[in-house]
Amino acid sequence: MRRRLLQQCRTWARAAGATLYVYYIQDPQDVEPAFARLIDARVEALIAFPDAVILGQRDKIVQAALKHRVPDVHIDGGCGPRPDHRANPG
């Protein structure tokens, strides 16, 4: 399932002209280092594929996203614009 979702995201990113960065979180200690790399890359959105580790660390991920001001966070594995998606004017 993860490969299919990742391929879907790659296809969407190519079509949208967006850059897709992939960071793997294998255990809870990977959350902060992944966010450090996200911030260095100046990402504008985070898409987390749901699995046992991600769902178990959902609160930690959301808190890190708030702390680092990641503007758009989705923990559902979907890619592409959402019906409620608002463009970031800044």
Foldseek 3Di string as FASTA:
>chain_A
DLVVLVVQQVVQCVVVVHDDDDDDDPAPVRQVVVLVVCVVVVAQEEEAEDDPRCVVCVVVNVVSCVVSVNPYYHDHSHHDDDPPDDDDPD
